Amino acid sequence: MLRVGNYLELDKNQYDENWLIVRKPDELPGFVKYVPVLSPSPELFRKYRDAFHVGAFNLEFFDQVYVPQFLKELIENTEALSILQSLASVSKEKDILLACYCGVESMCHRSIIAGILLGMGAEIDAEPKYLKYYEQYQILNKK
C-alpha cells in the first residue's frame, strides 16, 4: 500500500521503500529513493515560495495557481506518468511512503499525487477528497 507523508515519517523499518518526492533534498538518508520527477518544477516551486513568503499561499492560490500548473507539468512529463502507473501497480505488493517536507498535506503536491494514484486504482492510504485531482487531471489531459 502507498502512503503520502512528511519527511519526518521516513522509516526504513516500516516501509519497503521510502521515496522523497522533492525538488532538492536537504539531506538524503541512504535508505531513501530520491524521485524529483514527482515534484513541482523549479518555476512552480519558486511561485509557491514567493507566495508563501508574502503570506499569499492559501487555499485559493493552491487551487487556482498551484494545482493546475502541477497537473499540466505531470501531463507533459512522460517519465512522471510512467512512474505513477508503476506505483499504481506495485501498490498492491509493496508498502511505499511518498514524502516531502510540507507540513500540511492538503496544500502540498503530494495530495495531488495521491489523488492521481487513487484515480489510477492504486492501493493508497489517502483522503478520498483528493480524487478531485485525478478528475482535474483527466479533464486537462483531454485538451
N, C-alpha and C. Protein backbone atom coordinates (compact mmCIF):
# COMPACT_ATOMS: atom_id res chain seq x y z
N MET A 1 0.84 -1.18 0.00
CA MET A 1 0.00 0.00 0.00
C MET A 1 0.89 1.24 0.00
N LEU A 2 0.42 2.26 -0.68
CA LEU A 2 1.13 3.54 -0.73
C LEU A 2 0.60 4.44 0.38
N ARG A 3 1.45 5.35 0.80
CA ARG A 3 1.07 6.36 1.77
C ARG A 3 1.83 7.63 1.45
N VAL A 4 1.18 8.77 1.61
CA VAL A 4 1.87 10.05 1.47
C VAL A 4 2.12 10.59 2.86
N GLY A 5 3.28 11.19 3.04
CA GLY A 5 3.62 11.68 4.36
C GLY A 5 4.72 12.72 4.32
N ASN A 6 5.13 13.08 5.50
CA ASN A 6 6.15 14.09 5.71
C ASN A 6 7.52 13.43 5.84
N TYR A 7 8.54 14.20 5.54
CA TYR A 7 9.93 13.74 5.64
C TYR A 7 10.22 13.08 6.99
N LEU A 8 9.61 13.60 8.05
CA LEU A 8 9.85 13.07 9.39
C LEU A 8 9.30 11.66 9.57
N GLU A 9 8.45 11.22 8.65
CA GLU A 9 7.85 9.89 8.73
C GLU A 9 8.65 8.82 7.98
N LEU A 10 9.73 9.21 7.31
CA LEU A 10 10.56 8.23 6.61
C LEU A 10 11.03 7.20 7.63
N ASP A 11 10.89 5.92 7.29
CA ASP A 11 11.22 4.86 8.25
C ASP A 11 11.57 3.58 7.49
N LYS A 12 12.82 3.22 7.52
CA LYS A 12 13.25 2.05 6.75
C LYS A 12 12.68 0.75 7.30
N ASN A 13 12.22 0.76 8.55
CA ASN A 13 11.65 -0.45 9.14
C ASN A 13 10.15 -0.59 8.90
N GLN A 14 9.46 0.50 8.62
CA GLN A 14 8.02 0.46 8.44
C GLN A 14 7.60 0.26 6.99
N TYR A 15 8.43 0.71 6.06
CA TYR A 15 8.06 0.67 4.64
C TYR A 15 9.08 -0.15 3.85
N ASP A 16 8.59 -0.78 2.79
CA ASP A 16 9.50 -1.48 1.89
C ASP A 16 10.41 -0.49 1.17
N GLU A 17 9.81 0.66 0.81
CA GLU A 17 10.57 1.73 0.16
C GLU A 17 10.10 3.08 0.69
N ASN A 18 11.04 4.00 0.79
CA ASN A 18 10.77 5.38 1.18
C ASN A 18 11.22 6.26 0.03
N TRP A 19 10.27 7.02 -0.52
CA TRP A 19 10.58 7.90 -1.65
C TRP A 19 10.48 9.34 -1.20
N LEU A 20 11.47 10.12 -1.53
CA LEU A 20 11.45 11.56 -1.26
C LEU A 20 11.14 12.25 -2.59
N ILE A 21 9.93 12.83 -2.68
CA ILE A 21 9.47 13.43 -3.94
C ILE A 21 9.54 14.96 -3.83
N VAL A 22 10.76 15.44 -3.75
CA VAL A 22 11.03 16.87 -3.62
C VAL A 22 11.97 17.32 -4.73
N ARG A 23 12.01 18.63 -4.95
CA ARG A 23 12.88 19.18 -5.99
C ARG A 23 14.35 18.98 -5.61
N LYS A 24 14.69 19.31 -4.38
CA LYS A 24 16.09 19.20 -3.94
C LYS A 24 16.10 18.88 -2.44
N PRO A 25 16.61 17.71 -2.08
CA PRO A 25 16.59 17.33 -0.67
C PRO A 25 17.63 18.09 0.16
N ASP A 26 17.25 18.35 1.40
CA ASP A 26 18.21 18.94 2.35
C ASP A 26 19.28 17.91 2.67
N GLU A 27 18.85 16.69 2.84
CA GLU A 27 19.75 15.56 3.05
C GLU A 27 19.04 14.33 2.50
N LEU A 28 19.79 13.29 2.25
CA LEU A 28 19.21 12.09 1.67
C LEU A 28 19.73 10.86 2.42
N PRO A 29 18.95 10.36 3.38
CA PRO A 29 19.36 9.14 4.08
C PRO A 29 19.57 8.01 3.08
N GLY A 30 20.47 7.12 3.39
CA GLY A 30 20.84 6.04 2.47
C GLY A 30 19.71 5.13 2.07
N PHE A 31 18.68 5.01 2.88
CA PHE A 31 17.57 4.10 2.57
C PHE A 31 16.46 4.76 1.77
N VAL A 32 16.66 6.02 1.40
CA VAL A 32 15.61 6.79 0.73
C VAL A 32 15.89 6.89 -0.76
N LYS A 33 14.84 6.67 -1.56
CA LYS A 33 14.92 6.81 -3.01
C LYS A 33 14.49 8.24 -3.35
N TYR A 34 15.33 8.96 -4.04
CA TYR A 34 15.07 10.35 -4.42
C TYR A 34 14.41 10.37 -5.80
N VAL A 35 13.17 10.92 -5.88
CA VAL A 35 12.40 10.91 -7.11
C VAL A 35 11.91 12.34 -7.41
N PRO A 36 12.80 13.20 -7.92
CA PRO A 36 12.42 14.59 -8.16
C PRO A 36 11.39 14.77 -9.27
N VAL A 37 11.23 13.78 -10.14
CA VAL A 37 10.30 13.90 -11.25
C VAL A 37 8.84 14.00 -10.76
N LEU A 38 8.58 13.59 -9.53
CA LEU A 38 7.24 13.71 -8.95
C LEU A 38 7.10 14.94 -8.06
N SER A 39 7.99 15.90 -8.27
CA SER A 39 7.93 17.15 -7.51
C SER A 39 7.63 18.30 -8.49
N PRO A 40 7.25 19.45 -7.94
CA PRO A 40 6.99 20.60 -8.82
C PRO A 40 8.27 21.08 -9.52
N SER A 41 8.08 21.68 -10.66
CA SER A 41 9.21 22.25 -11.40
C SER A 41 9.84 23.37 -10.58
N PRO A 42 11.08 23.74 -10.91
CA PRO A 42 11.70 24.87 -10.22
C PRO A 42 10.85 26.14 -10.33
N GLU A 43 10.23 26.36 -11.48
CA GLU A 43 9.37 27.55 -11.67
C GLU A 43 8.17 27.53 -10.72
N LEU A 44 7.49 26.39 -10.63
CA LEU A 44 6.33 26.29 -9.74
C LEU A 44 6.76 26.36 -8.28
N PHE A 45 7.88 25.77 -7.97
CA PHE A 45 8.37 25.84 -6.59
C PHE A 45 8.66 27.29 -6.20
N ARG A 46 9.25 28.06 -7.13
CA ARG A 46 9.51 29.48 -6.85
C ARG A 46 8.21 30.25 -6.65
N LYS A 47 7.20 29.95 -7.46
CA LYS A 47 5.90 30.61 -7.29
C LYS A 47 5.34 30.31 -5.89
N TYR A 48 5.44 29.07 -5.48
CA TYR A 48 4.97 28.69 -4.15
C TYR A 48 5.75 29.43 -3.07
N ARG A 49 7.07 29.42 -3.17
CA ARG A 49 7.91 30.08 -2.15
C ARG A 49 7.65 31.58 -2.10
N ASP A 50 7.53 32.22 -3.25
CA ASP A 50 7.25 33.65 -3.29
C ASP A 50 5.91 33.95 -2.62
N ALA A 51 4.89 33.18 -2.96
CA ALA A 51 3.56 33.38 -2.36
C ALA A 51 3.61 33.12 -0.86
N PHE A 52 4.33 32.10 -0.47
CA PHE A 52 4.45 31.76 0.95
C PHE A 52 5.10 32.90 1.74
N HIS A 53 6.16 33.45 1.20
CA HIS A 53 6.91 34.49 1.92
C HIS A 53 6.17 35.82 2.03
N VAL A 54 5.21 36.06 1.17
CA VAL A 54 4.42 37.29 1.29
C VAL A 54 3.04 37.03 1.90
N GLY A 55 2.84 35.81 2.40
CA GLY A 55 1.58 35.47 3.05
C GLY A 55 0.43 35.22 2.10
N ALA A 56 0.73 34.94 0.84
CA ALA A 56 -0.33 34.74 -0.15
C ALA A 56 -0.56 33.27 -0.50
N PHE A 57 0.21 32.38 0.10
CA PHE A 57 -0.02 30.96 -0.18
C PHE A 57 -1.16 30.49 0.71
N ASN A 58 -2.31 30.33 0.07
CA ASN A 58 -3.51 29.91 0.78
C ASN A 58 -4.26 28.92 -0.11
N LEU A 59 -5.44 28.51 0.33
CA LEU A 59 -6.21 27.53 -0.43
C LEU A 59 -6.57 28.04 -1.82
N GLU A 60 -6.89 29.32 -1.93
CA GLU A 60 -7.23 29.89 -3.23
C GLU A 60 -6.03 29.82 -4.18
N PHE A 61 -4.85 30.21 -3.71
CA PHE A 61 -3.64 30.14 -4.53
C PHE A 61 -3.37 28.69 -4.92
N PHE A 62 -3.48 27.79 -3.95
CA PHE A 62 -3.22 26.38 -4.20
C PHE A 62 -4.15 25.85 -5.29
N ASP A 63 -5.45 26.11 -5.15
CA ASP A 63 -6.43 25.58 -6.10
C ASP A 63 -6.37 26.24 -7.47
N GLN A 64 -6.11 27.55 -7.52
CA GLN A 64 -6.19 28.28 -8.79
C GLN A 64 -4.87 28.41 -9.53
N VAL A 65 -3.76 28.35 -8.81
CA VAL A 65 -2.46 28.52 -9.45
C VAL A 65 -1.64 27.22 -9.39
N TYR A 66 -1.45 26.72 -8.20
CA TYR A 66 -0.54 25.59 -7.99
C TYR A 66 -1.05 24.31 -8.64
N VAL A 67 -2.28 23.92 -8.29
CA VAL A 67 -2.82 22.64 -8.79
C VAL A 67 -2.83 22.59 -10.32
N PRO A 68 -3.41 23.58 -11.02
CA PRO A 68 -3.43 23.48 -12.49
C PRO A 68 -2.03 23.39 -13.11
N GLN A 69 -1.09 24.16 -12.58
CA GLN A 69 0.25 24.12 -13.16
C GLN A 69 0.93 22.78 -12.88
N PHE A 70 0.77 22.26 -11.66
CA PHE A 70 1.41 20.98 -11.34
C PHE A 70 0.80 19.86 -12.19
N LEU A 71 -0.51 19.87 -12.34
CA LEU A 71 -1.15 18.86 -13.19
C LEU A 71 -0.66 18.95 -14.63
N LYS A 72 -0.53 20.16 -15.15
CA LYS A 72 -0.02 20.37 -16.51
C LYS A 72 1.40 19.81 -16.63
N GLU A 73 2.22 20.08 -15.62
CA GLU A 73 3.59 19.57 -15.64
C GLU A 73 3.61 18.04 -15.66
N LEU A 74 2.74 17.42 -14.89
CA LEU A 74 2.69 15.96 -14.86
C LEU A 74 2.25 15.40 -16.21
N ILE A 75 1.23 16.01 -16.80
CA ILE A 75 0.71 15.55 -18.08
C ILE A 75 1.78 15.61 -19.16
N GLU A 76 2.63 16.62 -19.11
CA GLU A 76 3.67 16.80 -20.12
C GLU A 76 4.93 15.97 -19.84
N ASN A 77 4.96 15.27 -18.73
CA ASN A 77 6.16 14.55 -18.32
C ASN A 77 5.92 13.04 -18.41
N THR A 78 6.35 12.44 -19.50
CA THR A 78 6.11 11.01 -19.70
C THR A 78 6.80 10.15 -18.64
N GLU A 79 7.94 10.59 -18.15
CA GLU A 79 8.63 9.83 -17.10
C GLU A 79 7.80 9.82 -15.82
N ALA A 80 7.23 10.96 -15.45
CA ALA A 80 6.40 11.04 -14.25
C ALA A 80 5.17 10.13 -14.40
N LEU A 81 4.54 10.18 -15.55
CA LEU A 81 3.35 9.35 -15.78
C LEU A 81 3.69 7.87 -15.72
N SER A 82 4.82 7.50 -16.25
CA SER A 82 5.26 6.10 -16.20
C SER A 82 5.49 5.67 -14.74
N ILE A 83 6.10 6.53 -13.96
CA ILE A 83 6.35 6.21 -12.54
C ILE A 83 5.03 6.09 -11.79
N LEU A 84 4.09 6.99 -12.06
CA LEU A 84 2.78 6.91 -11.40
C LEU A 84 2.06 5.61 -11.76
N GLN A 85 2.11 5.22 -13.01
CA GLN A 85 1.48 3.96 -13.43
C GLN A 85 2.14 2.77 -12.75
N SER A 86 3.44 2.81 -12.66
CA SER A 86 4.19 1.74 -11.98
C SER A 86 3.83 1.69 -10.50
N LEU A 87 3.74 2.87 -9.87
CA LEU A 87 3.36 2.92 -8.45
C LEU A 87 1.96 2.34 -8.24
N ALA A 88 1.04 2.66 -9.13
CA ALA A 88 -0.32 2.14 -9.01
C ALA A 88 -0.31 0.61 -9.04
N SER A 89 0.53 0.04 -9.88
CA SER A 89 0.63 -1.43 -9.96
C SER A 89 1.31 -2.02 -8.75
N VAL A 90 2.42 -1.47 -8.36
CA VAL A 90 3.21 -2.03 -7.27
C VAL A 90 2.56 -1.79 -5.90
N SER A 91 1.58 -0.89 -5.84
CA SER A 91 0.93 -0.56 -4.57
C SER A 91 0.24 -1.77 -3.94
N LYS A 92 -0.03 -2.77 -4.73
CA LYS A 92 -0.69 -3.97 -4.24
C LYS A 92 0.32 -4.96 -3.65
N GLU A 93 1.60 -4.70 -3.88
CA GLU A 93 2.64 -5.63 -3.46
C GLU A 93 3.61 -5.06 -2.42
N LYS A 94 3.77 -3.74 -2.41
CA LYS A 94 4.77 -3.12 -1.53
C LYS A 94 4.16 -1.99 -0.72
N ASP A 95 4.77 -1.73 0.42
CA ASP A 95 4.42 -0.56 1.23
C ASP A 95 5.45 0.52 0.92
N ILE A 96 4.98 1.63 0.36
CA ILE A 96 5.87 2.71 -0.06
C ILE A 96 5.36 4.02 0.51
N LEU A 97 6.25 4.77 1.13
CA LEU A 97 5.94 6.11 1.61
C LEU A 97 6.45 7.12 0.59
N LEU A 98 5.56 8.03 0.18
CA LEU A 98 5.92 9.13 -0.71
C LEU A 98 5.95 10.38 0.16
N ALA A 99 7.12 10.97 0.35
CA ALA A 99 7.26 12.04 1.32
C ALA A 99 7.88 13.31 0.74
N CYS A 100 7.56 14.42 1.39
CA CYS A 100 8.21 15.70 1.12
C CYS A 100 8.28 16.46 2.45
N TYR A 101 8.66 17.72 2.38
CA TYR A 101 8.88 18.50 3.60
C TYR A 101 7.65 19.25 4.11
N CYS A 102 6.63 19.40 3.29
CA CYS A 102 5.46 20.20 3.68
C CYS A 102 4.77 19.61 4.91
N GLY A 103 4.32 20.49 5.76
CA GLY A 103 3.61 20.06 6.95
C GLY A 103 2.14 19.82 6.71
N VAL A 104 1.54 20.58 5.80
CA VAL A 104 0.09 20.49 5.55
C VAL A 104 -0.12 19.71 4.25
N GLU A 105 -0.49 18.47 4.40
CA GLU A 105 -0.64 17.58 3.24
C GLU A 105 -1.66 18.09 2.23
N SER A 106 -2.76 18.64 2.70
CA SER A 106 -3.84 19.05 1.80
C SER A 106 -3.46 20.22 0.90
N MET A 107 -2.39 20.92 1.23
CA MET A 107 -1.91 22.02 0.37
C MET A 107 -0.48 21.74 -0.09
N CYS A 108 -0.28 20.50 -0.48
CA CYS A 108 1.05 20.04 -0.90
C CYS A 108 0.89 19.20 -2.16
N HIS A 109 1.93 19.18 -2.98
CA HIS A 109 1.86 18.40 -4.21
C HIS A 109 1.62 16.92 -3.96
N ARG A 110 1.96 16.44 -2.77
CA ARG A 110 1.74 15.01 -2.52
C ARG A 110 0.25 14.68 -2.45
N SER A 111 -0.61 15.64 -2.09
CA SER A 111 -2.06 15.38 -2.13
C SER A 111 -2.52 15.22 -3.58
N ILE A 112 -1.91 15.95 -4.49
CA ILE A 112 -2.24 15.85 -5.91
C ILE A 112 -1.77 14.49 -6.45
N ILE A 113 -0.56 14.11 -6.09
CA ILE A 113 -0.03 12.80 -6.48
C ILE A 113 -0.94 11.70 -5.93
N ALA A 114 -1.35 11.83 -4.67
CA ALA A 114 -2.22 10.82 -4.06
C ALA A 114 -3.54 10.72 -4.81
N GLY A 115 -4.11 11.85 -5.18
CA GLY A 115 -5.38 11.84 -5.92
C GLY A 115 -5.27 11.16 -7.27
N ILE A 116 -4.18 11.42 -7.96
CA ILE A 116 -3.97 10.79 -9.26
C ILE A 116 -3.82 9.27 -9.08
N LEU A 117 -3.07 8.89 -8.07
CA LEU A 117 -2.89 7.46 -7.80
C LEU A 117 -4.21 6.79 -7.41
N LEU A 118 -5.03 7.48 -6.64
CA LEU A 118 -6.36 6.96 -6.31
C LEU A 118 -7.15 6.68 -7.59
N GLY A 119 -7.13 7.67 -8.48
CA GLY A 119 -7.85 7.53 -9.74
C GLY A 119 -7.31 6.43 -10.63
N MET A 120 -6.03 6.13 -10.49
CA MET A 120 -5.41 5.06 -11.28
C MET A 120 -5.66 3.68 -10.66
N GLY A 121 -6.35 3.67 -9.53
CA GLY A 121 -6.67 2.39 -8.90
C GLY A 121 -5.63 1.88 -7.93
N ALA A 122 -4.72 2.72 -7.51
CA ALA A 122 -3.68 2.31 -6.57
C ALA A 122 -4.28 2.03 -5.20
N GLU A 123 -3.66 1.14 -4.49
CA GLU A 123 -3.98 0.94 -3.08
C GLU A 123 -3.17 1.99 -2.32
N ILE A 124 -3.86 3.02 -1.85
CA ILE A 124 -3.18 4.13 -1.20
C ILE A 124 -4.01 4.63 -0.03
N ASP A 125 -3.32 4.89 1.05
CA ASP A 125 -3.95 5.45 2.24
C ASP A 125 -3.96 6.96 2.05
N ALA A 126 -5.06 7.45 1.49
CA ALA A 126 -5.18 8.88 1.18
C ALA A 126 -6.62 9.32 1.33
N GLU A 127 -6.79 10.60 1.54
CA GLU A 127 -8.13 11.19 1.67
C GLU A 127 -8.90 11.01 0.36
N PRO A 128 -10.13 10.48 0.45
CA PRO A 128 -10.94 10.32 -0.77
C PRO A 128 -11.17 11.65 -1.51
N LYS A 129 -11.16 12.77 -0.79
CA LYS A 129 -11.38 14.07 -1.45
C LYS A 129 -10.27 14.40 -2.45
N TYR A 130 -9.11 13.77 -2.31
CA TYR A 130 -8.01 14.02 -3.25
C TYR A 130 -8.31 13.49 -4.64
N LEU A 131 -9.33 12.65 -4.77
CA LEU A 131 -9.70 12.13 -6.07
C LEU A 131 -10.07 13.25 -7.04
N LYS A 132 -10.45 14.41 -6.51
CA LYS A 132 -10.77 15.56 -7.37
C LYS A 132 -9.58 15.93 -8.26
N TYR A 133 -8.35 15.67 -7.80
CA TYR A 133 -7.18 15.99 -8.61
C TYR A 133 -7.06 15.06 -9.81
N TYR A 134 -7.47 13.81 -9.63
CA TYR A 134 -7.47 12.89 -10.77
C TYR A 134 -8.50 13.36 -11.80
N GLU A 135 -9.65 13.79 -11.32
CA GLU A 135 -10.68 14.28 -12.23
C GLU A 135 -10.19 15.51 -13.00
N GLN A 136 -9.52 16.44 -12.32
CA GLN A 136 -8.96 17.61 -12.99
C GLN A 136 -7.87 17.19 -13.98
N TYR A 137 -7.06 16.23 -13.58
CA TYR A 137 -6.01 15.69 -14.43
C TYR A 137 -6.60 15.13 -15.71
N GLN A 138 -7.70 14.37 -15.58
CA GLN A 138 -8.35 13.78 -16.75
C GLN A 138 -8.87 14.85 -17.70
N ILE A 139 -9.48 15.90 -17.15
CA ILE A 139 -10.00 16.99 -17.97
C ILE A 139 -8.87 17.69 -18.72
N LEU A 140 -7.80 18.03 -18.01
CA LEU A 140 -6.66 18.72 -18.63
C LEU A 140 -5.97 17.84 -19.67
N ASN A 141 -5.94 16.56 -19.42
CA ASN A 141 -5.24 15.64 -20.30
C ASN A 141 -5.99 15.46 -21.62
N LYS A 142 -7.27 15.76 -21.66
CA LYS A 142 -8.06 15.62 -22.88
C LYS A 142 -7.96 16.85 -23.78
N LYS A 143 -7.43 17.95 -23.27
CA LYS A 143 -7.34 19.19 -24.05
C LYS A 143 -6.23 19.13 -25.07
